Amino acid sequence: MHDHDDSRITLDLADENATTALARRLTAQLKPGMVIYLNGDLGAGKTSLVRGVLNALGHTGHVKSPTYTLLEPYHVGGLDLRHFDLYRLQDENEWEQAGFRDEFDGNNILFIEWPEKAPVPPADIVIDLVILQQGRRAIMISNTAIGKACLKLL
């Protein structure tokens, strides 16, 4: 890993406020159609990050992890955002029957937890959240030009 690698950023997040601050900075760079994978153990802060993005866009309602529904759709701040949590997805059959593929319309911004469980589009940015003794570490890796442009401006 190079220190000057603009396709990878590592940030230590001391607390919930730091996660919210990162979410705000990320929100400012979101573009329609972006795909962001969220990786991390249970409790690592994946939903907190999405909540921070939604709040930065002006969402004032409750934000819960779509653990059982698999998908929570939001329309906020002029953007369409989809929060997927595929942890409980049984198989590809369930995925097809749910019609989730229709959500990949090039307009919706997709935040996807447990992306390996379904045939989801490739990520522009992968965010790995690691639980530390104090706070969290966010490792953000861009895989595309749009992802790289986003990270460069964070």
C-alpha atoms as a PDB file:
ATOM      1  CA  MET A   1       0.000   0.000   0.000  1.00  0.00           C
ATOM      2  CA  HIS A   2       1.352   3.431  -0.968  1.00  0.00           C
ATOM      3  CA  ASP A   3       0.822   6.510   1.153  1.00  0.00           C
ATOM      4  CA  HIS A   4      -0.184   8.445  -1.966  1.00  0.00           C
ATOM      5  CA  ASP A   5      -2.574   5.868  -3.329  1.00  0.00           C
ATOM      6  CA  ASP A   6      -5.739   7.812  -4.173  1.00  0.00           C
ATOM      7  CA  SER A   7      -7.726   4.611  -4.588  1.00  0.00           C
ATOM      8  CA  ARG A   8      -7.472   3.746  -0.882  1.00  0.00           C
ATOM      9  CA  ILE A   9      -8.088   5.763   2.285  1.00  0.00           C
ATOM     10  CA  THR A  10      -7.797   4.531   5.874  1.00  0.00           C
ATOM     11  CA  LEU A  11      -9.450   6.552   8.644  1.00  0.00           C
ATOM     12  CA  ASP A  12      -9.720   5.890  12.351  1.00  0.00           C
ATOM     13  CA  LEU A  13     -13.154   6.810  13.701  1.00  0.00           C
ATOM     14  CA  ALA A  14     -12.948   7.538  17.409  1.00  0.00           C
ATOM     15  CA  ASP A  15     -16.698   7.536  18.018  1.00  0.00           C
ATOM     16  CA  GLU A  16     -20.179   7.934  16.548  1.00  0.00           C
ATOM     17  CA  ASN A  17     -19.474  11.614  15.814  1.00  0.00           C
ATOM     18  CA  ALA A  18     -16.470  10.669  13.680  1.00  0.00           C
ATOM     19  CA  THR A  19     -18.616   8.161  11.780  1.00  0.00           C
ATOM     20  CA  THR A  20     -21.236  10.866  11.213  1.00  0.00           C
ATOM     21  CA  ALA A  21     -18.554  13.290   9.987  1.00  0.00           C
ATOM     22  CA  LEU A  22     -17.272  10.682   7.503  1.00  0.00           C
ATOM     23  CA  ALA A  23     -20.854  10.042   6.361  1.00  0.00           C
ATOM     24  CA  ARG A  24     -21.358  13.762   5.731  1.00  0.00           C
ATOM     25  CA  ARG A  25     -18.177  13.984   3.652  1.00  0.00           C
ATOM     26  CA  LEU A  26     -19.166  10.882   1.708  1.00  0.00           C
ATOM     27  CA  THR A  27     -22.678  12.245   1.118  1.00  0.00           C
ATOM     28  CA  ALA A  28     -21.293  15.362  -0.523  1.00  0.00           C
ATOM     29  CA  GLN A  29     -19.605  13.164  -3.166  1.00  0.00           C
ATOM     30  CA  LEU A  30     -22.444  10.725  -3.906  1.00  0.00           C
ATOM     31  CA  LYS A  31     -23.556  10.442  -7.516  1.00  0.00           C
ATOM     32  CA  PRO A  32     -26.682   8.683  -8.842  1.00  0.00           C
ATOM     33  CA  GLY A  33     -26.005   5.048  -9.681  1.00  0.00           C
ATOM     34  CA  MET A  34     -23.075   4.613  -7.298  1.00  0.00           C
ATOM     35  CA  VAL A  35     -22.634   1.206  -5.675  1.00  0.00           C
ATOM     36  CA  ILE A  36     -21.028   1.070  -2.233  1.00  0.00           C
ATOM     37  CA  TYR A  37     -20.320  -2.188  -0.419  1.00  0.00           C
ATOM     38  CA  LEU A  38     -20.253  -2.111   3.381  1.00  0.00           C
ATOM     39  CA  ASN A  39     -18.209  -4.862   5.014  1.00  0.00           C
ATOM     40  CA  GLY A  40     -17.707  -5.461   8.714  1.00  0.00           C
ATOM     41  CA  ASP A  41     -18.745  -7.596  11.633  1.00  0.00           C
ATOM     42  CA  LEU A  42     -22.110  -7.149  13.330  1.00  0.00           C
ATOM     43  CA  GLY A  43     -21.892  -3.913  15.299  1.00  0.00           C
ATOM     44  CA  ALA A  44     -19.048  -2.469  13.203  1.00  0.00           C
ATOM     45  CA  GLY A  45     -21.165   0.537  12.229  1.00  0.00           C
ATOM     46  CA  LYS A  46     -22.472  -0.272   8.736  1.00  0.00           C
ATOM     47  CA  THR A  47     -26.005   0.947   9.467  1.00  0.00           C
ATOM     48  CA  SER A  48     -24.638   3.921  11.450  1.00  0.00           C
ATOM     49  CA  LEU A  49     -22.759   5.028   8.347  1.00  0.00           C
ATOM     50  CA  VAL A  50     -25.891   4.751   6.183  1.00  0.00           C
ATOM     51  CA  ARG A  51     -27.898   6.605   8.868  1.00  0.00           C
ATOM     52  CA  GLY A  52     -25.274   9.377   8.789  1.00  0.00           C
ATOM     53  CA  VAL A  53     -25.575   9.656   4.996  1.00  0.00           C
ATOM     54  CA  LEU A  54     -29.377   9.772   5.159  1.00  0.00           C
ATOM     55  CA  ASN A  55     -29.314  12.388   7.921  1.00  0.00           C
ATOM     56  CA  ALA A  56     -26.835  14.489   5.932  1.00  0.00           C
ATOM     57  CA  LEU A  57     -29.306  14.386   3.032  1.00  0.00           C
ATOM     58  CA  GLY A  58     -32.061  15.671   5.322  1.00  0.00           C
ATOM     59  CA  HIS A  59     -33.801  12.425   6.355  1.00  0.00           C
ATOM     60  CA  THR A  60     -35.292  12.872   9.813  1.00  0.00           C
ATOM     61  CA  GLY A  61     -37.118   9.564  10.228  1.00  0.00           C
ATOM     62  CA  HIS A  62     -35.963   6.352  11.833  1.00  0.00           C
ATOM     63  CA  VAL A  63     -33.218   4.406  10.046  1.00  0.00           C
ATOM     64  CA  LYS A  64     -33.101   0.726  10.828  1.00  0.00           C
ATOM     65  CA  SER A  65     -31.014  -2.038   9.377  1.00  0.00           C
ATOM     66  CA  PRO A  66     -33.017  -3.952   6.750  1.00  0.00           C
ATOM     67  CA  THR A  67     -31.969  -7.231   8.375  1.00  0.00           C
ATOM     68  CA  TYR A  68     -35.359  -8.882   7.845  1.00  0.00           C
ATOM     69  CA  THR A  69     -36.737  -6.933   4.881  1.00  0.00           C
ATOM     70  CA  LEU A  70     -33.351  -7.112   3.053  1.00  0.00           C
ATOM     71  CA  LEU A  71     -34.052  -3.697   1.512  1.00  0.00           C
ATOM     72  CA  GLU A  72     -35.002  -0.252   2.799  1.00  0.00           C
ATOM     73  CA  PRO A  73     -35.672   2.346   0.074  1.00  0.00           C
ATOM     74  CA  TYR A  74     -35.245   6.068   0.691  1.00  0.00           C
ATOM     75  CA  HIS A  75     -35.951   9.148  -1.395  1.00  0.00           C
ATOM     76  CA  VAL A  76     -34.250  12.081   0.257  1.00  0.00           C
ATOM     77  CA  GLY A  77     -32.418  15.218  -0.794  1.00  0.00           C
ATOM     78  CA  GLY A  78     -33.376  14.598  -4.411  1.00  0.00           C
ATOM     79  CA  LEU A  79     -31.593  11.235  -4.411  1.00  0.00           C
ATOM     80  CA  ASP A  80     -32.886   7.676  -4.441  1.00  0.00           C
ATOM     81  CA  LEU A  81     -30.955   5.557  -2.007  1.00  0.00           C
ATOM     82  CA  ARG A  82     -31.301   1.822  -1.435  1.00  0.00           C
ATOM     83  CA  HIS A  83     -29.918   0.154   1.689  1.00  0.00           C
ATOM     84  CA  PHE A  84     -29.537  -3.606   1.260  1.00  0.00           C
ATOM     85  CA  ASP A  85     -28.661  -5.990   4.077  1.00  0.00           C
ATOM     86  CA  LEU A  86     -28.349  -9.406   2.466  1.00  0.00           C
ATOM     87  CA  TYR A  87     -27.222 -11.289   5.579  1.00  0.00           C
ATOM     88  CA  ARG A  88     -30.442 -13.321   5.734  1.00  0.00           C
ATOM     89  CA  LEU A  89     -30.825 -13.887   2.000  1.00  0.00           C
ATOM     90  CA  GLN A  90     -31.428 -17.600   1.523  1.00  0.00           C
ATOM     91  CA  ASP A  91     -30.434 -18.103  -2.081  1.00  0.00           C
ATOM     92  CA  GLU A  92     -30.388 -16.564  -5.538  1.00  0.00           C
ATOM     93  CA  ASN A  93     -33.950 -17.739  -6.078  1.00  0.00           C
ATOM     94  CA  GLU A  94     -35.202 -15.545  -3.247  1.00  0.00           C
ATOM     95  CA  TRP A  95     -33.186 -12.680  -4.762  1.00  0.00           C
ATOM     96  CA  GLU A  96     -34.817 -13.080  -8.191  1.00  0.00           C
ATOM     97  CA  GLN A  97     -38.345 -13.417  -6.779  1.00  0.00           C
ATOM     98  CA  ALA A  98     -37.931 -10.244  -4.737  1.00  0.00           C
ATOM     99  CA  GLY A  99     -37.226  -8.290  -7.940  1.00  0.00           C
ATOM    100  CA  PHE A 100     -34.192  -6.612  -6.415  1.00  0.00           C
ATOM    101  CA  ARG A 101     -32.418  -6.532  -9.765  1.00  0.00           C
ATOM    102  CA  ASP A 102     -34.877  -3.782 -10.798  1.00  0.00           C
ATOM    103  CA  GLU A 103     -33.258  -1.505  -8.206  1.00  0.00           C
ATOM    104  CA  PHE A 104     -30.030  -1.398 -10.245  1.00  0.00           C
ATOM    105  CA  ASP A 105     -31.349   1.216 -12.636  1.00  0.00           C
ATOM    106  CA  GLY A 106     -28.284   3.450 -12.867  1.00  0.00           C
ATOM    107  CA  ASN A 107     -30.069   6.081 -10.789  1.00  0.00           C
ATOM    108  CA  ASN A 108     -30.421   4.507  -7.334  1.00  0.00           C
ATOM    109  CA  ILE A 109     -27.447   4.851  -5.013  1.00  0.00           C
ATOM    110  CA  LEU A 110     -26.881   1.421  -3.501  1.00  0.00           C
ATOM    111  CA  PHE A 111     -25.409   0.698  -0.072  1.00  0.00           C
ATOM    112  CA  ILE A 112     -25.028  -3.083   0.167  1.00  0.00           C
ATOM    113  CA  GLU A 113     -24.204  -5.083   3.297  1.00  0.00           C
ATOM    114  CA  TRP A 114     -23.149  -8.726   2.708  1.00  0.00           C
ATOM    115  CA  PRO A 115     -22.785  -8.226  -1.104  1.00  0.00           C
ATOM    116  CA  GLU A 116     -21.213 -11.660  -1.570  1.00  0.00           C
ATOM    117  CA  LYS A 117     -24.622 -13.263  -0.982  1.00  0.00           C
ATOM    118  CA  ALA A 118     -26.190 -12.060  -4.250  1.00  0.00           C
ATOM    119  CA  PRO A 119     -25.398 -11.191  -7.888  1.00  0.00           C
ATOM    120  CA  VAL A 120     -25.115  -7.474  -7.184  1.00  0.00           C
ATOM    121  CA  PRO A 121     -23.362  -4.989  -9.468  1.00  0.00           C
ATOM    122  CA  PRO A 122     -19.658  -4.364  -8.852  1.00  0.00           C
ATOM    123  CA  ALA A 123     -18.798  -1.747  -6.256  1.00  0.00           C
ATOM    124  CA  ASP A 124     -17.513   1.729  -7.019  1.00  0.00           C
ATOM    125  CA  ILE A 125     -16.316   1.889  -3.416  1.00  0.00           C
ATOM    126  CA  VAL A 126     -15.825  -0.826  -0.809  1.00  0.00           C
ATOM    127  CA  ILE A 127     -15.884   0.347   2.810  1.00  0.00           C
ATOM    128  CA  ASP A 128     -14.476  -2.086   5.353  1.00  0.00           C
ATOM    129  CA  LEU A 129     -15.365  -1.202   8.951  1.00  0.00           C
ATOM    130  CA  VAL A 130     -13.125  -2.779  11.571  1.00  0.00           C
ATOM    131  CA  ILE A 131     -13.881  -2.757  15.302  1.00  0.00           C
ATOM    132  CA  LEU A 132     -10.902  -1.470  17.305  1.00  0.00           C
ATOM    133  CA  GLN A 133     -10.456  -1.397  21.080  1.00  0.00           C
ATOM    134  CA  GLN A 134     -11.307   2.292  20.822  1.00  0.00           C
ATOM    135  CA  GLY A 135     -13.690   3.171  18.003  1.00  0.00           C
ATOM    136  CA  ARG A 136     -13.597   1.870  14.448  1.00  0.00           C
ATOM    137  CA  ARG A 137     -11.313   1.893  11.432  1.00  0.00           C
ATOM    138  CA  ALA A 138     -12.764   2.625   7.995  1.00  0.00           C
ATOM    139  CA  ILE A 139     -10.795   1.348   5.005  1.00  0.00           C
ATOM    140  CA  MET A 140     -12.232   2.724   1.775  1.00  0.00           C
ATOM    141  CA  ILE A 141     -11.143   1.310  -1.556  1.00  0.00           C
ATOM    142  CA  SER A 142     -12.297   2.584  -4.923  1.00  0.00           C
ATOM    143  CA  ASN A 143     -12.634   0.182  -7.853  1.00  0.00           C
ATOM    144  CA  THR A 144     -13.816   2.548 -10.569  1.00  0.00           C
ATOM    145  CA  ALA A 145     -13.138   6.044 -11.919  1.00  0.00           C
ATOM    146  CA  ILE A 146     -16.285   7.398 -10.217  1.00  0.00           C
ATOM    147  CA  GLY A 147     -15.232   5.754  -6.947  1.00  0.00           C
ATOM    148  CA  LYS A 148     -11.712   7.155  -7.207  1.00  0.00           C
ATOM    149  CA  ALA A 149     -13.077  10.662  -7.889  1.00  0.00           C
ATOM    150  CA  CYS A 150     -15.296  10.355  -4.799  1.00  0.00           C
ATOM    151  CA  LEU A 151     -12.431   9.306  -2.504  1.00  0.00           C
ATOM    152  CA  LYS A 152     -10.110  11.988  -3.866  1.00  0.00           C
ATOM    153  CA  LEU A 153     -12.572  14.664  -2.697  1.00  0.00           C
ATOM    154  CA  LEU A 154     -13.264  13.199   0.751  1.00  0.00           C
END
